[in-house]
Amino acid sequence: MQKSILFFLMIIIVAACSPKISYMGDSYNPTFNVDVYYDQGDIDKEYRVMGIARNEGDVFETDDLNSIREQLIKKAREVGADAILIVSVGQNTSSGEDDYDPNKIVEAKFLKYGG
């Protein structure tokens, strides 16, 4: 019983620290393969921007860039994006009243191939 409770608490803690992704845009059937671009010039297919996404940058959220990237890919799959274009990586400096603990903010465009 104690192991079950401990396991449940660990799951809650890990979930609370995962990056939260906000998305605004169109949705399509889920996709499996999502390309990730860091420069618009690298995209050699016709596409249209179907939406924009960013992580919340909350105080309790991890600011590991690889974790944020993985959550962006997960959200892109859910909404049917074919690719992600990372447009900015910055820091949220308004995390509290007295402390200065900037969290990473990643903004991205979700793309649908075909124009």
PDB file of N, CA and C in Angstrom:
ATOM      1  N   MET A   1       0.825  -1.194   0.000  1.00  0.00           N
ATOM      2  CA  MET A   1       0.000   0.000   0.000  1.00  0.00           C
ATOM      3  C   MET A   1       0.865   1.252   0.000  1.00  0.00           C
ATOM      4  N   GLN A   2       1.915   1.269   0.834  1.00  0.00           N
ATOM      5  CA  GLN A   2       2.801   2.432   0.919  1.00  0.00           C
ATOM      6  C   GLN A   2       3.511   2.668  -0.408  1.00  0.00           C
ATOM      7  N   LYS A   3       3.918   1.581  -1.079  1.00  0.00           N
ATOM      8  CA  LYS A   3       4.590   1.721  -2.368  1.00  0.00           C
ATOM      9  C   LYS A   3       3.650   2.327  -3.398  1.00  0.00           C
ATOM     10  N   SER A   4       2.387   1.947  -3.348  1.00  0.00           N
ATOM     11  CA  SER A   4       1.403   2.493  -4.284  1.00  0.00           C
ATOM     12  C   SER A   4       1.215   3.987  -4.071  1.00  0.00           C
ATOM     13  N   ILE A   5       1.146   4.401  -2.833  1.00  0.00           N
ATOM     14  CA  ILE A   5       0.976   5.823  -2.521  1.00  0.00           C
ATOM     15  C   ILE A   5       2.209   6.603  -2.952  1.00  0.00           C
ATOM     16  N   LEU A   6       3.386   6.065  -2.661  1.00  0.00           N
ATOM     17  CA  LEU A   6       4.629   6.727  -3.051  1.00  0.00           C
ATOM     18  C   LEU A   6       4.725   6.847  -4.574  1.00  0.00           C
ATOM     19  N   PHE A   7       4.380   5.787  -5.281  1.00  0.00           N
ATOM     20  CA  PHE A   7       4.401   5.807  -6.742  1.00  0.00           C
ATOM     21  C   PHE A   7       3.434   6.859  -7.276  1.00  0.00           C
ATOM     22  N   PHE A   8       2.239   6.915  -6.718  1.00  0.00           N
ATOM     23  CA  PHE A   8       1.226   7.887  -7.130  1.00  0.00           C
ATOM     24  C   PHE A   8       1.723   9.312  -6.899  1.00  0.00           C
ATOM     25  N   LEU A   9       2.347   9.561  -5.758  1.00  0.00           N
ATOM     26  CA  LEU A   9       2.888  10.894  -5.462  1.00  0.00           C
ATOM     27  C   LEU A   9       4.010  11.268  -6.422  1.00  0.00           C
ATOM     28  N   MET A  10       4.853  10.319  -6.773  1.00  0.00           N
ATOM     29  CA  MET A  10       5.939  10.589  -7.723  1.00  0.00           C
ATOM     30  C   MET A  10       5.378  10.960  -9.093  1.00  0.00           C
ATOM     31  N   ILE A  11       4.334  10.276  -9.520  1.00  0.00           N
ATOM     32  CA  ILE A  11       3.692  10.583 -10.808  1.00  0.00           C
ATOM     33  C   ILE A  11       3.142  12.004 -10.789  1.00  0.00           C
ATOM     34  N   ILE A  12       2.505  12.393  -9.713  1.00  0.00           N
ATOM     35  CA  ILE A  12       1.948  13.746  -9.594  1.00  0.00           C
ATOM     36  C   ILE A  12       3.059  14.792  -9.641  1.00  0.00           C
ATOM     37  N   ILE A  13       4.146  14.548  -8.939  1.00  0.00           N
ATOM     38  CA  ILE A  13       5.262  15.504  -8.915  1.00  0.00           C
ATOM     39  C   ILE A  13       5.875  15.654 -10.302  1.00  0.00           C
ATOM     40  N   VAL A  14       6.107  14.539 -10.982  1.00  0.00           N
ATOM     41  CA  VAL A  14       6.688  14.594 -12.324  1.00  0.00           C
ATOM     42  C   VAL A  14       5.749  15.319 -13.281  1.00  0.00           C
ATOM     43  N   ALA A  15       4.460  15.029 -13.203  1.00  0.00           N
ATOM     44  CA  ALA A  15       3.494  15.688 -14.084  1.00  0.00           C
ATOM     45  C   ALA A  15       3.430  17.181 -13.818  1.00  0.00           C
ATOM     46  N   ALA A  16       3.542  17.573 -12.569  1.00  0.00           N
ATOM     47  CA  ALA A  16       3.478  18.996 -12.224  1.00  0.00           C
ATOM     48  C   ALA A  16       4.684  19.754 -12.747  1.00  0.00           C
ATOM     49  N   CYS A  17       5.805  19.082 -12.897  1.00  0.00           N
ATOM     50  CA  CYS A  17       7.032  19.740 -13.368  1.00  0.00           C
ATOM     51  C   CYS A  17       7.166  19.731 -14.884  1.00  0.00           C
ATOM     52  N   SER A  18       6.318  18.983 -15.575  1.00  0.00           N
ATOM     53  CA  SER A  18       6.395  18.928 -17.029  1.00  0.00           C
ATOM     54  C   SER A  18       5.997  20.261 -17.627  1.00  0.00           C
ATOM     55  N   PRO A  19       6.646  20.638 -18.735  1.00  0.00           N
ATOM     56  CA  PRO A  19       6.265  21.888 -19.393  1.00  0.00           C
ATOM     57  C   PRO A  19       4.808  21.850 -19.851  1.00  0.00           C
ATOM     58  N   LYS A  20       4.094  22.925 -19.626  1.00  0.00           N
ATOM     59  CA  LYS A  20       2.705  23.052 -20.072  1.00  0.00           C
ATOM     60  C   LYS A  20       2.710  23.866 -21.360  1.00  0.00           C
ATOM     61  N   ILE A  21       2.079  23.346 -22.393  1.00  0.00           N
ATOM     62  CA  ILE A  21       2.072  23.998 -23.695  1.00  0.00           C
ATOM     63  C   ILE A  21       0.707  24.632 -23.949  1.00  0.00           C
ATOM     64  N   SER A  22       0.716  25.918 -24.287  1.00  0.00           N
ATOM     65  CA  SER A  22      -0.494  26.620 -24.710  1.00  0.00           C
ATOM     66  C   SER A  22      -0.480  26.678 -26.231  1.00  0.00           C
ATOM     67  N   TYR A  23      -1.623  26.378 -26.847  1.00  0.00           N
ATOM     68  CA  TYR A  23      -1.713  26.364 -28.310  1.00  0.00           C
ATOM     69  C   TYR A  23      -2.947  27.123 -28.744  1.00  0.00           C
ATOM     70  N   MET A  24      -2.783  27.920 -29.800  1.00  0.00           N
ATOM     71  CA  MET A  24      -3.917  28.603 -30.405  1.00  0.00           C
ATOM     72  C   MET A  24      -3.814  28.403 -31.912  1.00  0.00           C
ATOM     73  N   GLY A  25      -4.853  27.814 -32.486  1.00  0.00           N
ATOM     74  CA  GLY A  25      -4.832  27.605 -33.927  1.00  0.00           C
ATOM     75  C   GLY A  25      -5.774  26.505 -34.352  1.00  0.00           C
ATOM     76  N   ASP A  26      -5.584  26.055 -35.582  1.00  0.00           N
ATOM     77  CA  ASP A  26      -6.419  25.015 -36.168  1.00  0.00           C
ATOM     78  C   ASP A  26      -5.980  23.637 -35.678  1.00  0.00           C
ATOM     79  N   SER A  27      -6.898  22.679 -35.794  1.00  0.00           N
ATOM     80  CA  SER A  27      -6.593  21.294 -35.438  1.00  0.00           C
ATOM     81  C   SER A  27      -7.011  20.375 -36.576  1.00  0.00           C
ATOM     82  N   TYR A  28      -6.249  19.321 -36.761  1.00  0.00           N
ATOM     83  CA  TYR A  28      -6.502  18.310 -37.779  1.00  0.00           C
ATOM     84  C   TYR A  28      -6.379  16.944 -37.122  1.00  0.00           C
ATOM     85  N   ASN A  29      -6.486  15.897 -37.939  1.00  0.00           N
ATOM     86  CA  ASN A  29      -6.277  14.552 -37.411  1.00  0.00           C
ATOM     87  C   ASN A  29      -4.845  14.439 -36.887  1.00  0.00           C
ATOM     88  N   PRO A  30      -4.649  13.694 -35.812  1.00  0.00           N
ATOM     89  CA  PRO A  30      -3.301  13.565 -35.237  1.00  0.00           C
ATOM     90  C   PRO A  30      -2.280  13.045 -36.256  1.00  0.00           C
ATOM     91  N   THR A  31      -1.047  13.486 -36.099  1.00  0.00           N
ATOM     92  CA  THR A  31       0.052  13.032 -36.947  1.00  0.00           C
ATOM     93  C   THR A  31       1.056  12.264 -36.090  1.00  0.00           C
ATOM     94  N   PHE A  32       1.934  11.531 -36.750  1.00  0.00           N
ATOM     95  CA  PHE A  32       2.929  10.741 -36.027  1.00  0.00           C
ATOM     96  C   PHE A  32       4.324  11.338 -36.146  1.00  0.00           C
ATOM     97  N   ASN A  33       4.679  11.759 -37.352  1.00  0.00           N
ATOM     98  CA  ASN A  33       6.005  12.323 -37.586  1.00  0.00           C
ATOM     99  C   ASN A  33       5.907  13.838 -37.654  1.00  0.00           C
ATOM    100  N   VAL A  34       6.672  14.509 -36.825  1.00  0.00           N
ATOM    101  CA  VAL A  34       6.692  15.971 -36.798  1.00  0.00           C
ATOM    102  C   VAL A  34       8.136  16.422 -36.994  1.00  0.00           C
ATOM    103  N   ASP A  35       8.358  17.194 -38.060  1.00  0.00           N
ATOM    104  CA  ASP A  35       9.683  17.763 -38.306  1.00  0.00           C
ATOM    105  C   ASP A  35       9.868  18.983 -37.417  1.00  0.00           C
ATOM    106  N   VAL A  36      11.096  19.218 -36.981  1.00  0.00           N
ATOM    107  CA  VAL A  36      11.404  20.386 -36.151  1.00  0.00           C
ATOM    108  C   VAL A  36      12.450  21.225 -36.871  1.00  0.00           C
ATOM    109  N   TYR A  37      12.125  22.509 -37.051  1.00  0.00           N
ATOM    110  CA  TYR A  37      13.030  23.450 -37.715  1.00  0.00           C
ATOM    111  C   TYR A  37      13.372  24.585 -36.760  1.00  0.00           C
ATOM    112  N   TYR A  38      14.587  25.094 -36.933  1.00  0.00           N
ATOM    113  CA  TYR A  38      15.038  26.229 -36.134  1.00  0.00           C
ATOM    114  C   TYR A  38      15.287  27.451 -37.005  1.00  0.00           C
ATOM    115  N   ASP A  39      15.226  27.269 -38.316  1.00  0.00           N
ATOM    116  CA  ASP A  39      15.424  28.356 -39.266  1.00  0.00           C
ATOM    117  C   ASP A  39      14.429  28.184 -40.404  1.00  0.00           C
ATOM    118  N   GLN A  40      13.697  29.224 -40.705  1.00  0.00           N
ATOM    119  CA  GLN A  40      12.676  29.165 -41.750  1.00  0.00           C
ATOM    120  C   GLN A  40      13.281  28.786 -43.099  1.00  0.00           C
ATOM    121  N   GLY A  41      14.518  29.191 -43.351  1.00  0.00           N
ATOM    122  CA  GLY A  41      15.186  28.886 -44.612  1.00  0.00           C
ATOM    123  C   GLY A  41      15.458  27.408 -44.820  1.00  0.00           C
ATOM    124  N   ASP A  42      15.395  26.619 -43.777  1.00  0.00           N
ATOM    125  CA  ASP A  42      15.634  25.178 -43.887  1.00  0.00           C
ATOM    126  C   ASP A  42      14.407  24.409 -44.372  1.00  0.00           C
ATOM    127  N   ILE A  43      13.255  25.047 -44.393  1.00  0.00           N
ATOM    128  CA  ILE A  43      12.014  24.366 -44.780  1.00  0.00           C
ATOM    129  C   ILE A  43      11.936  24.356 -46.303  1.00  0.00           C
ATOM    130  N   ASP A  44      11.974  23.157 -46.899  1.00  0.00           N
ATOM    131  CA  ASP A  44      11.985  23.050 -48.358  1.00  0.00           C
ATOM    132  C   ASP A  44      10.656  22.556 -48.926  1.00  0.00           C
ATOM    133  N   LYS A  45       9.598  22.625 -48.147  1.00  0.00           N
ATOM    134  CA  LYS A  45       8.263  22.221 -48.594  1.00  0.00           C
ATOM    135  C   LYS A  45       7.329  23.413 -48.471  1.00  0.00           C
ATOM    136  N   GLU A  46       6.270  23.397 -49.277  1.00  0.00           N
ATOM    137  CA  GLU A  46       5.244  24.423 -49.101  1.00  0.00           C
ATOM    138  C   GLU A  46       4.480  24.114 -47.824  1.00  0.00           C
ATOM    139  N   TYR A  47       4.120  25.159 -47.093  1.00  0.00           N
ATOM    140  CA  TYR A  47       3.418  24.972 -45.831  1.00  0.00           C
ATOM    141  C   TYR A  47       2.587  26.201 -45.526  1.00  0.00           C
ATOM    142  N   ARG A  48       1.732  26.039 -44.549  1.00  0.00           N
ATOM    143  CA  ARG A  48       1.016  27.182 -43.988  1.00  0.00           C
ATOM    144  C   ARG A  48       1.103  27.072 -42.478  1.00  0.00           C
ATOM    145  N   VAL A  49       1.066  28.221 -41.828  1.00  0.00           N
ATOM    146  CA  VAL A  49       1.081  28.241 -40.363  1.00  0.00           C
ATOM    147  C   VAL A  49      -0.329  27.910 -39.892  1.00  0.00           C
ATOM    148  N   MET A  50      -0.455  26.857 -39.115  1.00  0.00           N
ATOM    149  CA  MET A  50      -1.773  26.447 -38.627  1.00  0.00           C
ATOM    150  C   MET A  50      -2.039  26.921 -37.206  1.00  0.00           C
ATOM    151  N   GLY A  51      -0.985  27.381 -36.517  1.00  0.00           N
ATOM    152  CA  GLY A  51      -1.175  27.870 -35.159  1.00  0.00           C
ATOM    153  C   GLY A  51       0.147  28.222 -34.508  1.00  0.00           C
ATOM    154  N   ILE A  52       0.033  28.759 -33.298  1.00  0.00           N
ATOM    155  CA  ILE A  52       1.218  29.127 -32.530  1.00  0.00           C
ATOM    156  C   ILE A  52       1.146  28.469 -31.153  1.00  0.00           C
ATOM    157  N   ALA A  53       2.318  28.177 -30.611  1.00  0.00           N
ATOM    158  CA  ALA A  53       2.379  27.494 -29.310  1.00  0.00           C
ATOM    159  C   ALA A  53       3.539  28.051 -28.505  1.00  0.00           C
ATOM    160  N   ARG A  54       3.415  27.928 -27.195  1.00  0.00           N
ATOM    161  CA  ARG A  54       4.516  28.287 -26.294  1.00  0.00           C
ATOM    162  C   ARG A  54       4.305  27.569 -24.974  1.00  0.00           C
ATOM    163  N   ASN A  55       5.390  27.371 -24.271  1.00  0.00           N
ATOM    164  CA  ASN A  55       5.255  26.790 -22.939  1.00  0.00           C
ATOM    165  C   ASN A  55       4.921  27.903 -21.955  1.00  0.00           C
ATOM    166  N   GLU A  56       4.341  27.523 -20.829  1.00  0.00           N
ATOM    167  CA  GLU A  56       3.853  28.498 -19.856  1.00  0.00           C
ATOM    168  C   GLU A  56       4.969  29.214 -19.108  1.00  0.00           C
ATOM    169  N   GLY A  57       6.071  28.529 -18.840  1.00  0.00           N
ATOM    170  CA  GLY A  57       7.165  29.141 -18.092  1.00  0.00           C
ATOM    171  C   GLY A  57       6.855  29.345 -16.625  1.00  0.00           C
ATOM    172  N   ASP A  58       5.995  28.482 -16.066  1.00  0.00           N
ATOM    173  CA  ASP A  58       5.646  28.584 -14.650  1.00  0.00           C
ATOM    174  C   ASP A  58       6.853  28.302 -13.764  1.00  0.00           C
ATOM    175  N   VAL A  59       6.787  28.777 -12.539  1.00  0.00           N
ATOM    176  CA  VAL A  59       7.875  28.605 -11.578  1.00  0.00           C
ATOM    177  C   VAL A  59       8.178  27.129 -11.347  1.00  0.00           C
ATOM    178  N   PHE A  60       7.155  26.290 -11.263  1.00  0.00           N
ATOM    179  CA  PHE A  60       7.354  24.879 -10.953  1.00  0.00           C
ATOM    180  C   PHE A  60       7.623  24.037 -12.193  1.00  0.00           C
ATOM    181  N   GLU A  61       7.596  24.648 -13.356  1.00  0.00           N
ATOM    182  CA  GLU A  61       7.806  23.937 -14.610  1.00  0.00           C
ATOM    183  C   GLU A  61       9.301  23.793 -14.875  1.00  0.00           C
ATOM    184  N   THR A  62       9.696  22.637 -15.368  1.00  0.00           N
ATOM    185  CA  THR A  62      11.099  22.464 -15.737  1.00  0.00           C
ATOM    186  C   THR A  62      11.441  23.406 -16.881  1.00  0.00           C
ATOM    187  N   ASP A  63      12.653  23.910 -16.886  1.00  0.00           N
ATOM    188  CA  ASP A  63      13.042  24.759 -18.007  1.00  0.00           C
ATOM    189  C   ASP A  63      14.132  24.086 -18.837  1.00  0.00           C
ATOM    190  N   ASP A  64      14.149  22.760 -18.804  1.00  0.00           N
ATOM    191  CA  ASP A  64      15.044  21.988 -19.650  1.00  0.00           C
ATOM    192  C   ASP A  64      14.544  22.090 -21.091  1.00  0.00           C
ATOM    193  N   LEU A  65      15.371  22.615 -21.974  1.00  0.00           N
ATOM    194  CA  LEU A  65      14.938  22.863 -23.349  1.00  0.00           C
ATOM    195  C   LEU A  65      14.542  21.593 -24.085  1.00  0.00           C
ATOM    196  N   ASN A  66      15.190  20.473 -23.802  1.00  0.00           N
ATOM    197  CA  ASN A  66      14.809  19.218 -24.452  1.00  0.00           C
ATOM    198  C   ASN A  66      13.424  18.764 -24.007  1.00  0.00           C
ATOM    199  N   SER A  67      13.087  18.966 -22.740  1.00  0.00           N
ATOM    200  CA  SER A  67      11.749  18.613 -22.246  1.00  0.00           C
ATOM    201  C   SER A  67      10.694  19.497 -22.896  1.00  0.00           C
ATOM    202  N   ILE A  68      10.994  20.770 -23.021  1.00  0.00           N
ATOM    203  CA  ILE A  68      10.055  21.691 -23.669  1.00  0.00           C
ATOM    204  C   ILE A  68       9.865  21.292 -25.129  1.00  0.00           C
ATOM    205  N   ARG A  69      10.956  20.960 -25.808  1.00  0.00           N
ATOM    206  CA  ARG A  69      10.887  20.531 -27.214  1.00  0.00           C
ATOM    207  C   ARG A  69      10.010  19.287 -27.345  1.00  0.00           C
ATOM    208  N   GLU A  70      10.206  18.307 -26.467  1.00  0.00           N
ATOM    209  CA  GLU A  70       9.411  17.078 -26.525  1.00  0.00           C
ATOM    210  C   GLU A  70       7.926  17.357 -26.300  1.00  0.00           C
ATOM    211  N   GLN A  71       7.601  18.262 -25.382  1.00  0.00           N
ATOM    212  CA  GLN A  71       6.195  18.606 -25.142  1.00  0.00           C
ATOM    213  C   GLN A  71       5.596  19.356 -26.332  1.00  0.00           C
ATOM    214  N   LEU A  72       6.397  20.197 -26.992  1.00  0.00           N
ATOM    215  CA  LEU A  72       5.920  20.865 -28.211  1.00  0.00           C
ATOM    216  C   LEU A  72       5.622  19.837 -29.299  1.00  0.00           C
ATOM    217  N   ILE A  73       6.492  18.850 -29.457  1.00  0.00           N
ATOM    218  CA  ILE A  73       6.269  17.794 -30.449  1.00  0.00           C
ATOM    219  C   ILE A  73       5.011  17.009 -30.109  1.00  0.00           C
ATOM    220  N   LYS A  74       4.824  16.682 -28.847  1.00  0.00           N
ATOM    221  CA  LYS A  74       3.623  15.950 -28.415  1.00  0.00           C
ATOM    222  C   LYS A  74       2.363  16.741 -28.756  1.00  0.00           C
ATOM    223  N   LYS A  75       2.360  18.039 -28.447  1.00  0.00           N
ATOM    224  CA  LYS A  75       1.196  18.881 -28.747  1.00  0.00           C
ATOM    225  C   LYS A  75       0.988  18.981 -30.257  1.00  0.00           C
ATOM    226  N   ALA A  76       2.084  19.108 -31.024  1.00  0.00           N
ATOM    227  CA  ALA A  76       1.980  19.189 -32.485  1.00  0.00           C
ATOM    228  C   ALA A  76       1.335  17.928 -33.054  1.00  0.00           C
ATOM    229  N   ARG A  77       1.722  16.768 -32.547  1.00  0.00           N
ATOM    230  CA  ARG A  77       1.102  15.514 -32.990  1.00  0.00           C
ATOM    231  C   ARG A  77      -0.392  15.518 -32.697  1.00  0.00           C
ATOM    232  N   GLU A  78      -0.748  15.950 -31.485  1.00  0.00           N
ATOM    233  CA  GLU A  78      -2.156  15.952 -31.064  1.00  0.00           C
ATOM    234  C   GLU A  78      -3.025  16.809 -31.976  1.00  0.00           C
ATOM    235  N   VAL A  79      -2.505  17.956 -32.411  1.00  0.00           N
ATOM    236  CA  VAL A  79      -3.319  18.882 -33.216  1.00  0.00           C
ATOM    237  C   VAL A  79      -3.118  18.685 -34.716  1.00  0.00           C
ATOM    238  N   GLY A  80      -2.301  17.703 -35.107  1.00  0.00           N
ATOM    239  CA  GLY A  80      -2.154  17.360 -36.517  1.00  0.00           C
ATOM    240  C   GLY A  80      -1.136  18.173 -37.292  1.00  0.00           C
ATOM    241  N   ALA A  81      -0.163  18.742 -36.619  1.00  0.00           N
ATOM    242  CA  ALA A  81       0.875  19.513 -37.315  1.00  0.00           C
ATOM    243  C   ALA A  81       1.862  18.570 -38.000  1.00  0.00           C
ATOM    244  N   ASP A  82       2.405  19.027 -39.130  1.00  0.00           N
ATOM    245  CA  ASP A  82       3.442  18.273 -39.825  1.00  0.00           C
ATOM    246  C   ASP A  82       4.836  18.705 -39.393  1.00  0.00           C
ATOM    247  N   ALA A  83       4.942  19.939 -38.892  1.00  0.00           N
ATOM    248  CA  ALA A  83       6.255  20.459 -38.510  1.00  0.00           C
ATOM    249  C   ALA A  83       6.099  21.560 -37.473  1.00  0.00           C
ATOM    250  N   ILE A  84       7.218  21.840 -36.823  1.00  0.00           N
ATOM    251  CA  ILE A  84       7.311  22.929 -35.848  1.00  0.00           C
ATOM    252  C   ILE A  84       8.459  23.825 -36.288  1.00  0.00           C
ATOM    253  N   LEU A  85       8.218  25.131 -36.259  1.00  0.00           N
ATOM    254  CA  LEU A  85       9.284  26.103 -36.481  1.00  0.00           C
ATOM    255  C   LEU A  85       9.495  26.845 -35.168  1.00  0.00           C
ATOM    256  N   ILE A  86      10.623  26.611 -34.517  1.00  0.00           N
ATOM    257  CA  ILE A  86      10.942  27.318 -33.274  1.00  0.00           C
ATOM    258  C   ILE A  86      11.272  28.757 -33.655  1.00  0.00           C
ATOM    259  N   VAL A  87      10.522  29.714 -33.104  1.00  0.00           N
ATOM    260  CA  VAL A  87      10.740  31.113 -33.481  1.00  0.00           C
ATOM    261  C   VAL A  87      11.474  31.912 -32.418  1.00  0.00           C
ATOM    262  N   SER A  88      11.401  31.493 -31.158  1.00  0.00           N
ATOM    263  CA  SER A  88      12.166  32.213 -30.139  1.00  0.00           C
ATOM    264  C   SER A  88      12.356  31.361 -28.893  1.00  0.00           C
ATOM    265  N   VAL A  89      13.461  31.629 -28.234  1.00  0.00           N
ATOM    266  CA  VAL A  89      13.759  31.036 -26.934  1.00  0.00           C
ATOM    267  C   VAL A  89      14.159  32.198 -26.042  1.00  0.00           C
ATOM    268  N   GLY A  90      13.406  32.384 -24.964  1.00  0.00           N
ATOM    269  CA  GLY A  90      13.680  33.501 -24.066  1.00  0.00           C
ATOM    270  C   GLY A  90      13.502  33.087 -22.628  1.00  0.00           C
ATOM    271  N   GLN A  91      13.341  34.082 -21.767  1.00  0.00           N
ATOM    272  CA  GLN A  91      13.168  33.810 -20.342  1.00  0.00           C
ATOM    273  C   GLN A  91      12.023  34.630 -19.790  1.00  0.00           C
ATOM    274  N   ASN A  92      11.263  34.011 -18.893  1.00  0.00           N
ATOM    275  CA  ASN A  92      10.206  34.683 -18.157  1.00  0.00           C
ATOM    276  C   ASN A  92      10.828  35.188 -16.868  1.00  0.00           C
ATOM    277  N   THR A  93      10.909  36.500 -16.713  1.00  0.00           N
ATOM    278  CA  THR A  93      11.556  37.055 -15.518  1.00  0.00           C
ATOM    279  C   THR A  93      10.560  37.493 -14.464  1.00  0.00           C
ATOM    280  N   SER A  94       9.276  37.273 -14.691  1.00  0.00           N
ATOM    281  CA  SER A  94       8.267  37.693 -13.712  1.00  0.00           C
ATOM    282  C   SER A  94       7.711  36.490 -12.979  1.00  0.00           C
ATOM    283  N   SER A  95       8.578  35.714 -12.347  1.00  0.00           N
ATOM    284  CA  SER A  95       8.145  34.474 -11.707  1.00  0.00           C
ATOM    285  C   SER A  95       7.741  34.640 -10.251  1.00  0.00           C
ATOM    286  N   GLY A  96       7.991  35.781  -9.655  1.00  0.00           N
ATOM    287  CA  GLY A  96       7.613  35.957  -8.263  1.00  0.00           C
ATOM    288  C   GLY A  96       7.825  37.387  -7.820  1.00  0.00           C
ATOM    289  N   GLU A  97       7.373  37.685  -6.619  1.00  0.00           N
ATOM    290  CA  GLU A  97       7.481  39.046  -6.108  1.00  0.00           C
ATOM    291  C   GLU A  97       8.907  39.396  -5.712  1.00  0.00           C
ATOM    292  N   ASP A  98       9.530  38.563  -4.891  1.00  0.00           N
ATOM    293  CA  ASP A  98      10.824  38.907  -4.319  1.00  0.00           C
ATOM    294  C   ASP A  98      11.997  38.149  -4.922  1.00  0.00           C
ATOM    295  N   ASP A  99      11.715  37.058  -5.589  1.00  0.00           N
ATOM    296  CA  ASP A  99      12.824  36.260  -6.092  1.00  0.00           C
ATOM    297  C   ASP A  99      12.962  36.411  -7.601  1.00  0.00           C
ATOM    298  N   TYR A 100      14.152  36.186  -8.068  1.00  0.00           N
ATOM    299  CA  TYR A 100      14.434  36.265  -9.495  1.00  0.00           C
ATOM    300  C   TYR A 100      14.838  34.875  -9.954  1.00  0.00           C
ATOM    301  N   ASP A 101      13.938  34.186 -10.592  1.00  0.00           N
ATOM    302  CA  ASP A 101      14.184  32.825 -11.046  1.00  0.00           C
ATOM    303  C   ASP A 101      13.611  32.686 -12.450  1.00  0.00           C
ATOM    304  N   PRO A 102      14.338  33.163 -13.460  1.00  0.00           N
ATOM    305  CA  PRO A 102      13.779  33.144 -14.810  1.00  0.00           C
ATOM    306  C   PRO A 102      13.609  31.728 -15.341  1.00  0.00           C
ATOM    307  N   ASN A 103      12.502  31.489 -16.004  1.00  0.00           N
ATOM    308  CA  ASN A 103      12.232  30.207 -16.636  1.00  0.00           C
ATOM    309  C   ASN A 103      12.281  30.387 -18.141  1.00  0.00           C
ATOM    310  N   LYS A 104      12.689  29.350 -18.827  1.00  0.00           N
ATOM    311  CA  LYS A 104      12.796  29.404 -20.279  1.00  0.00           C
ATOM    312  C   LYS A 104      11.404  29.409 -20.914  1.00  0.00           C
ATOM    313  N   ILE A 105      11.242  30.252 -21.925  1.00  0.00           N
ATOM    314  CA  ILE A 105      10.014  30.320 -22.712  1.00  0.00           C
ATOM    315  C   ILE A 105      10.390  30.015 -24.157  1.00  0.00           C
ATOM    316  N   VAL A 106       9.722  29.036 -24.748  1.00  0.00           N
ATOM    317  CA  VAL A 106       9.957  28.687 -26.144  1.00  0.00           C
ATOM    318  C   VAL A 106       8.666  28.944 -26.905  1.00  0.00           C
ATOM    319  N   GLU A 107       8.764  29.716 -27.986  1.00  0.00           N
ATOM    320  CA  GLU A 107       7.614  29.992 -28.841  1.00  0.00           C
ATOM    321  C   GLU A 107       7.846  29.321 -30.184  1.00  0.00           C
ATOM    322  N   ALA A 108       6.774  28.756 -30.735  1.00  0.00           N
ATOM    323  CA  ALA A 108       6.896  28.015 -31.987  1.00  0.00           C
ATOM    324  C   ALA A 108       5.658  28.196 -32.847  1.00  0.00           C
ATOM    325  N   LYS A 109       5.852  28.042 -34.149  1.00  0.00           N
ATOM    326  CA  LYS A 109       4.740  27.991 -35.093  1.00  0.00           C
ATOM    327  C   LYS A 109       4.542  26.533 -35.472  1.00  0.00           C
ATOM    328  N   PHE A 110       3.288  26.105 -35.503  1.00  0.00           N
ATOM    329  CA  PHE A 110       2.966  24.762 -35.964  1.00  0.00           C
ATOM    330  C   PHE A 110       2.599  24.869 -37.439  1.00  0.00           C
ATOM    331  N   LEU A 111       3.168  23.982 -38.243  1.00  0.00           N
ATOM    332  CA  LEU A 111       3.028  24.062 -39.692  1.00  0.00           C
ATOM    333  C   LEU A 111       2.286  22.861 -40.251  1.00  0.00           C
ATOM    334  N   LYS A 112       1.536  23.119 -41.322  1.00  0.00           N
ATOM    335  CA  LYS A 112       0.857  22.063 -42.077  1.00  0.00           C
ATOM    336  C   LYS A 112       1.401  22.129 -43.489  1.00  0.00           C
ATOM    337  N   TYR A 113       1.931  21.019 -43.986  1.00  0.00           N
ATOM    338  CA  TYR A 113       2.494  20.998 -45.329  1.00  0.00           C
ATOM    339  C   TYR A 113       1.395  21.093 -46.380  1.00  0.00           C
ATOM    340  N   GLY A 114       1.736  21.672 -47.509  1.00  0.00           N
ATOM    341  CA  GLY A 114       0.824  21.729 -48.642  1.00  0.00           C
ATOM    342  C   GLY A 114       0.331  23.126 -48.952  1.00  0.00           C
ATOM    343  N   GLY A 115       0.630  24.080 -48.129  1.00  0.00           N
ATOM    344  CA  GLY A 115       0.241  25.464 -48.398  1.00  0.00           C
ATOM    345  C   GLY A 115      -1.197  25.629 -48.284  1.00  0.00           C
TER     346      GLY A 115
END
